[in-house]
Amino acid sequence: PLTKRFPLLGSPVAAIWYSGQMGDDSIPGPTTYWIDAVVTLTPGAAAEIEAGYDLHITTDVPDVVEALRADVPGDLWTSDSLAAALLKDGDAQSWTVKAYFSPTAGQIVLSARGQ
């Protein structure tokens, strides 16, 4: 399900992710889902991410579920173009993604919300 929603991840070496829905099931209306993940990429995929998305270092701490926080690597880079590239065609209207890349670990940290 993770790579189907975010095809840029390719065939990851490993992934730790959590997901769920926000809000109250008893209230009618659209459901908002969330996905938080730390994904270890293949070396080739990591090299493509590092070279292709105008990354800049950040001191922001990803807002991920508490159970995932210990798995978030320390050296993180980010860019709007990386976050946009993670979305499938058509998802930009209904999903938002914050994405971080660790060149040292070859990992992407993502936090996504959508309907």
N, C-alpha and C. Protein backbone atom coordinates (compact mmCIF):
# COMPACT_ATOMS: atom_id res chain seq x y z
N PRO A 1 0.81 -1.22 0.00
CA PRO A 1 0.00 0.00 0.00
C PRO A 1 0.85 1.29 0.00
N LEU A 2 1.98 1.26 0.67
CA LEU A 2 2.83 2.46 0.75
C LEU A 2 3.41 2.81 -0.61
N THR A 3 3.95 1.84 -1.31
CA THR A 3 4.56 2.13 -2.61
C THR A 3 3.50 2.36 -3.69
N LYS A 4 2.31 1.83 -3.50
CA LYS A 4 1.23 2.10 -4.44
C LYS A 4 0.79 3.55 -4.34
N ARG A 5 0.74 4.08 -3.13
CA ARG A 5 0.34 5.47 -2.92
C ARG A 5 1.47 6.42 -3.29
N PHE A 6 2.73 6.00 -3.10
CA PHE A 6 3.89 6.86 -3.35
C PHE A 6 4.88 6.13 -4.28
N PRO A 7 4.60 6.09 -5.59
CA PRO A 7 5.40 5.30 -6.52
C PRO A 7 6.87 5.73 -6.60
N LEU A 8 7.19 6.96 -6.26
CA LEU A 8 8.58 7.42 -6.30
C LEU A 8 9.47 6.58 -5.39
N LEU A 9 8.90 5.94 -4.40
CA LEU A 9 9.69 5.13 -3.47
C LEU A 9 10.27 3.89 -4.14
N GLY A 10 9.73 3.50 -5.29
CA GLY A 10 10.24 2.34 -6.01
C GLY A 10 10.01 1.06 -5.21
N SER A 11 11.06 0.25 -5.13
CA SER A 11 11.03 -0.99 -4.36
C SER A 11 11.97 -0.83 -3.17
N PRO A 12 11.48 -0.29 -2.07
CA PRO A 12 12.36 0.02 -0.94
C PRO A 12 13.03 -1.21 -0.35
N VAL A 13 14.16 -0.96 0.29
CA VAL A 13 14.88 -2.00 1.02
C VAL A 13 14.12 -2.34 2.30
N ALA A 14 13.56 -1.30 2.94
CA ALA A 14 12.81 -1.49 4.18
C ALA A 14 11.89 -0.30 4.38
N ALA A 15 10.87 -0.48 5.20
CA ALA A 15 9.96 0.63 5.52
C ALA A 15 9.31 0.36 6.87
N ILE A 16 9.19 1.43 7.63
CA ILE A 16 8.42 1.41 8.86
C ILE A 16 7.36 2.48 8.68
N TRP A 17 6.11 2.10 8.80
CA TRP A 17 5.06 3.09 8.58
C TRP A 17 3.84 2.81 9.44
N TYR A 18 3.14 3.89 9.70
CA TYR A 18 1.91 3.84 10.47
C TYR A 18 0.87 4.64 9.70
N SER A 19 -0.38 4.24 9.84
CA SER A 19 -1.45 4.97 9.16
C SER A 19 -2.73 4.84 9.96
N GLY A 20 -3.66 5.69 9.63
CA GLY A 20 -4.95 5.65 10.30
C GLY A 20 -5.85 6.72 9.73
N GLN A 21 -6.91 6.99 10.44
CA GLN A 21 -7.81 8.04 10.01
C GLN A 21 -8.01 9.02 11.15
N MET A 22 -8.26 10.25 10.77
CA MET A 22 -8.45 11.31 11.74
C MET A 22 -9.95 11.57 11.90
N GLY A 23 -10.34 12.10 13.03
CA GLY A 23 -11.71 12.49 13.22
C GLY A 23 -12.56 11.44 13.89
N ASP A 24 -13.84 11.66 13.83
CA ASP A 24 -14.83 10.85 14.51
C ASP A 24 -15.68 10.13 13.47
N ASP A 25 -15.68 8.79 13.52
CA ASP A 25 -16.45 7.99 12.55
C ASP A 25 -17.96 8.26 12.62
N SER A 26 -18.44 8.76 13.74
CA SER A 26 -19.88 8.97 13.88
C SER A 26 -20.35 10.25 13.20
N ILE A 27 -19.43 11.09 12.76
CA ILE A 27 -19.79 12.34 12.09
C ILE A 27 -19.71 12.12 10.59
N PRO A 28 -20.79 12.40 9.85
CA PRO A 28 -20.75 12.20 8.39
C PRO A 28 -19.81 13.19 7.71
N GLY A 29 -19.33 12.77 6.57
CA GLY A 29 -18.46 13.64 5.80
C GLY A 29 -17.23 12.88 5.35
N PRO A 30 -16.37 13.57 4.62
CA PRO A 30 -15.16 12.89 4.13
C PRO A 30 -14.25 12.48 5.28
N THR A 31 -13.54 11.42 5.06
CA THR A 31 -12.58 10.92 6.05
C THR A 31 -11.19 11.37 5.65
N THR A 32 -10.45 11.88 6.62
CA THR A 32 -9.05 12.25 6.38
C THR A 32 -8.17 11.14 6.92
N TYR A 33 -7.28 10.66 6.07
CA TYR A 33 -6.35 9.61 6.43
C TYR A 33 -4.97 10.20 6.64
N TRP A 34 -4.13 9.51 7.42
CA TRP A 34 -2.75 9.95 7.60
C TRP A 34 -1.83 8.74 7.42
N ILE A 35 -0.64 9.04 6.92
CA ILE A 35 0.42 8.04 6.76
C ILE A 35 1.72 8.70 7.17
N ASP A 36 2.45 8.10 8.09
CA ASP A 36 3.79 8.54 8.47
C ASP A 36 4.72 7.37 8.22
N ALA A 37 5.89 7.64 7.62
CA ALA A 37 6.78 6.55 7.25
C ALA A 37 8.24 6.98 7.24
N VAL A 38 9.10 6.00 7.52
CA VAL A 38 10.54 6.11 7.27
C VAL A 38 10.85 4.96 6.31
N VAL A 39 11.33 5.33 5.13
CA VAL A 39 11.54 4.35 4.06
C VAL A 39 13.01 4.33 3.66
N THR A 40 13.62 3.15 3.71
CA THR A 40 15.00 2.98 3.27
C THR A 40 14.99 2.62 1.79
N LEU A 41 15.59 3.48 0.99
CA LEU A 41 15.59 3.31 -0.46
C LEU A 41 16.75 2.45 -0.93
N THR A 42 16.63 1.93 -2.15
CA THR A 42 17.78 1.27 -2.77
C THR A 42 18.84 2.34 -3.03
N PRO A 43 20.11 1.98 -3.14
CA PRO A 43 21.14 2.98 -3.42
C PRO A 43 20.86 3.79 -4.69
N GLY A 44 20.36 3.14 -5.72
CA GLY A 44 20.05 3.85 -6.97
C GLY A 44 18.93 4.86 -6.79
N ALA A 45 17.87 4.48 -6.09
CA ALA A 45 16.76 5.40 -5.84
C ALA A 45 17.20 6.56 -4.96
N ALA A 46 18.03 6.28 -3.96
CA ALA A 46 18.53 7.34 -3.09
C ALA A 46 19.39 8.33 -3.88
N ALA A 47 20.22 7.84 -4.78
CA ALA A 47 21.05 8.72 -5.61
C ALA A 47 20.18 9.60 -6.51
N GLU A 48 19.11 9.04 -7.05
CA GLU A 48 18.21 9.83 -7.89
C GLU A 48 17.51 10.92 -7.09
N ILE A 49 17.09 10.60 -5.88
CA ILE A 49 16.45 11.60 -5.01
C ILE A 49 17.46 12.71 -4.69
N GLU A 50 18.64 12.33 -4.31
CA GLU A 50 19.66 13.31 -3.92
C GLU A 50 19.99 14.26 -5.06
N ALA A 51 20.01 13.74 -6.27
CA ALA A 51 20.42 14.54 -7.43
C ALA A 51 19.27 15.32 -8.06
N GLY A 52 18.04 14.91 -7.82
CA GLY A 52 16.97 15.42 -8.66
C GLY A 52 15.96 16.37 -8.07
N TYR A 53 16.09 16.79 -6.82
CA TYR A 53 14.97 17.53 -6.23
C TYR A 53 15.36 18.80 -5.49
N ASP A 54 16.43 19.45 -5.86
CA ASP A 54 16.80 20.76 -5.31
C ASP A 54 16.69 20.78 -3.78
N LEU A 55 17.29 19.80 -3.15
CA LEU A 55 17.20 19.64 -1.71
C LEU A 55 18.02 20.68 -0.96
N HIS A 56 17.55 21.05 0.20
CA HIS A 56 18.30 21.93 1.11
C HIS A 56 18.18 21.37 2.52
N ILE A 57 19.24 21.57 3.30
CA ILE A 57 19.26 21.06 4.67
C ILE A 57 18.19 21.76 5.50
N THR A 58 17.63 21.04 6.45
CA THR A 58 16.60 21.61 7.30
C THR A 58 16.85 21.23 8.75
N THR A 59 16.41 22.09 9.64
CA THR A 59 16.44 21.78 11.07
C THR A 59 15.05 21.41 11.56
N ASP A 60 14.07 21.42 10.65
CA ASP A 60 12.72 21.02 11.02
C ASP A 60 12.71 19.57 11.49
N VAL A 61 11.89 19.29 12.45
CA VAL A 61 11.71 17.92 12.93
C VAL A 61 10.40 17.41 12.34
N PRO A 62 10.43 16.30 11.61
CA PRO A 62 9.20 15.78 11.02
C PRO A 62 8.13 15.51 12.08
N ASP A 63 6.92 15.91 11.78
CA ASP A 63 5.79 15.69 12.68
C ASP A 63 5.18 14.34 12.36
N VAL A 64 5.77 13.30 12.93
CA VAL A 64 5.31 11.93 12.70
C VAL A 64 4.79 11.35 14.01
N VAL A 65 4.06 10.27 13.89
CA VAL A 65 3.50 9.59 15.05
C VAL A 65 4.65 9.23 16.01
N GLU A 66 4.36 9.29 17.29
CA GLU A 66 5.39 9.08 18.31
C GLU A 66 6.13 7.75 18.14
N ALA A 67 5.44 6.70 17.77
CA ALA A 67 6.07 5.38 17.62
C ALA A 67 7.15 5.36 16.54
N LEU A 68 7.14 6.34 15.65
CA LEU A 68 8.11 6.39 14.54
C LEU A 68 9.28 7.33 14.83
N ARG A 69 9.15 8.18 15.80
CA ARG A 69 10.15 9.24 16.02
C ARG A 69 11.57 8.72 16.24
N ALA A 70 11.74 7.62 16.92
CA ALA A 70 13.08 7.07 17.16
C ALA A 70 13.74 6.58 15.88
N ASP A 71 12.96 6.33 14.84
CA ASP A 71 13.50 5.82 13.57
C ASP A 71 13.86 6.93 12.58
N VAL A 72 13.54 8.17 12.91
CA VAL A 72 13.82 9.29 12.02
C VAL A 72 15.32 9.60 12.07
N PRO A 73 16.01 9.59 10.92
CA PRO A 73 17.44 9.89 10.92
C PRO A 73 17.70 11.36 11.24
N GLY A 74 18.93 11.68 11.58
CA GLY A 74 19.26 13.02 12.04
C GLY A 74 19.55 14.05 10.97
N ASP A 75 20.16 13.66 9.89
CA ASP A 75 20.56 14.63 8.85
C ASP A 75 19.50 14.69 7.76
N LEU A 76 18.64 15.68 7.84
CA LEU A 76 17.50 15.73 6.91
C LEU A 76 17.59 16.92 5.96
N TRP A 77 17.22 16.64 4.73
CA TRP A 77 17.14 17.62 3.66
C TRP A 77 15.70 17.59 3.16
N THR A 78 15.23 18.68 2.59
CA THR A 78 13.86 18.73 2.12
C THR A 78 13.74 19.64 0.91
N SER A 79 12.62 19.56 0.24
CA SER A 79 12.28 20.48 -0.85
C SER A 79 10.82 20.29 -1.20
N ASP A 80 10.22 21.35 -1.70
CA ASP A 80 8.84 21.26 -2.16
C ASP A 80 8.73 20.31 -3.35
N SER A 81 9.75 20.29 -4.20
CA SER A 81 9.69 19.43 -5.39
C SER A 81 9.72 17.95 -5.01
N LEU A 82 10.43 17.59 -3.94
CA LEU A 82 10.41 16.20 -3.49
C LEU A 82 9.03 15.83 -2.98
N ALA A 83 8.44 16.68 -2.17
CA ALA A 83 7.09 16.40 -1.65
C ALA A 83 6.10 16.26 -2.80
N ALA A 84 6.18 17.14 -3.77
CA ALA A 84 5.25 17.07 -4.92
C ALA A 84 5.47 15.80 -5.73
N ALA A 85 6.72 15.39 -5.88
CA ALA A 85 7.03 14.19 -6.68
C ALA A 85 6.52 12.91 -6.02
N LEU A 86 6.36 12.92 -4.72
CA LEU A 86 5.87 11.73 -4.04
C LEU A 86 4.39 11.47 -4.33
N LEU A 87 3.66 12.51 -4.67
CA LEU A 87 2.23 12.35 -4.94
C LEU A 87 2.00 11.74 -6.32
N LYS A 88 1.03 10.84 -6.40
CA LYS A 88 0.63 10.30 -7.69
C LYS A 88 -0.14 11.37 -8.45
N ASP A 89 -0.17 11.24 -9.76
CA ASP A 89 -0.97 12.16 -10.57
C ASP A 89 -2.40 12.19 -10.03
N GLY A 90 -2.92 13.38 -9.85
CA GLY A 90 -4.27 13.54 -9.36
C GLY A 90 -4.40 13.63 -7.85
N ASP A 91 -3.37 13.22 -7.10
CA ASP A 91 -3.45 13.25 -5.64
C ASP A 91 -3.20 14.63 -5.06
N ALA A 92 -2.65 15.56 -5.83
CA ALA A 92 -2.31 16.87 -5.30
C ALA A 92 -3.54 17.63 -4.80
N GLN A 93 -4.72 17.31 -5.32
CA GLN A 93 -5.93 17.97 -4.88
C GLN A 93 -6.44 17.45 -3.54
N SER A 94 -6.12 16.20 -3.23
CA SER A 94 -6.70 15.59 -2.04
C SER A 94 -5.69 15.13 -0.99
N TRP A 95 -4.40 15.24 -1.28
CA TRP A 95 -3.35 14.82 -0.34
C TRP A 95 -2.31 15.91 -0.19
N THR A 96 -1.74 16.01 1.01
CA THR A 96 -0.56 16.85 1.23
C THR A 96 0.53 15.97 1.81
N VAL A 97 1.77 16.26 1.42
CA VAL A 97 2.90 15.47 1.89
C VAL A 97 4.01 16.41 2.34
N LYS A 98 4.60 16.09 3.46
CA LYS A 98 5.85 16.71 3.87
C LYS A 98 6.89 15.60 3.76
N ALA A 99 7.99 15.91 3.07
CA ALA A 99 8.99 14.87 2.81
C ALA A 99 10.37 15.36 3.19
N TYR A 100 11.15 14.45 3.73
CA TYR A 100 12.52 14.72 4.15
C TYR A 100 13.39 13.59 3.64
N PHE A 101 14.62 13.91 3.28
CA PHE A 101 15.54 12.89 2.76
C PHE A 101 16.83 12.94 3.56
N SER A 102 17.32 11.77 3.95
CA SER A 102 18.61 11.65 4.61
C SER A 102 19.59 11.00 3.64
N PRO A 103 20.55 11.79 3.10
CA PRO A 103 21.52 11.18 2.18
C PRO A 103 22.42 10.17 2.88
N THR A 104 22.70 10.38 4.15
CA THR A 104 23.56 9.44 4.89
C THR A 104 22.89 8.09 5.05
N ALA A 105 21.62 8.10 5.43
CA ALA A 105 20.89 6.85 5.66
C ALA A 105 20.23 6.31 4.40
N GLY A 106 20.10 7.15 3.36
CA GLY A 106 19.38 6.73 2.16
C GLY A 106 17.91 6.52 2.44
N GLN A 107 17.35 7.38 3.31
CA GLN A 107 15.96 7.21 3.72
C GLN A 107 15.12 8.45 3.41
N ILE A 108 13.85 8.20 3.16
CA ILE A 108 12.86 9.26 3.06
C ILE A 108 11.95 9.16 4.28
N VAL A 109 11.71 10.30 4.90
CA VAL A 109 10.71 10.39 5.96
C VAL A 109 9.55 11.17 5.36
N LEU A 110 8.36 10.61 5.48
CA LEU A 110 7.21 11.32 4.93
C LEU A 110 6.06 11.34 5.91
N SER A 111 5.31 12.41 5.83
CA SER A 111 4.11 12.59 6.62
C SER A 111 3.03 13.07 5.65
N ALA A 112 2.01 12.25 5.44
CA ALA A 112 0.99 12.56 4.45
C ALA A 112 -0.39 12.58 5.08
N ARG A 113 -1.21 13.48 4.56
CA ARG A 113 -2.60 13.59 5.00
C ARG A 113 -3.47 13.72 3.76
N GLY A 114 -4.60 13.04 3.74
CA GLY A 114 -5.45 13.16 2.57
C GLY A 114 -6.77 12.44 2.69
N GLN A 115 -7.57 12.58 1.64
CA GLN A 115 -8.88 11.95 1.61
C GLN A 115 -8.94 10.89 0.53
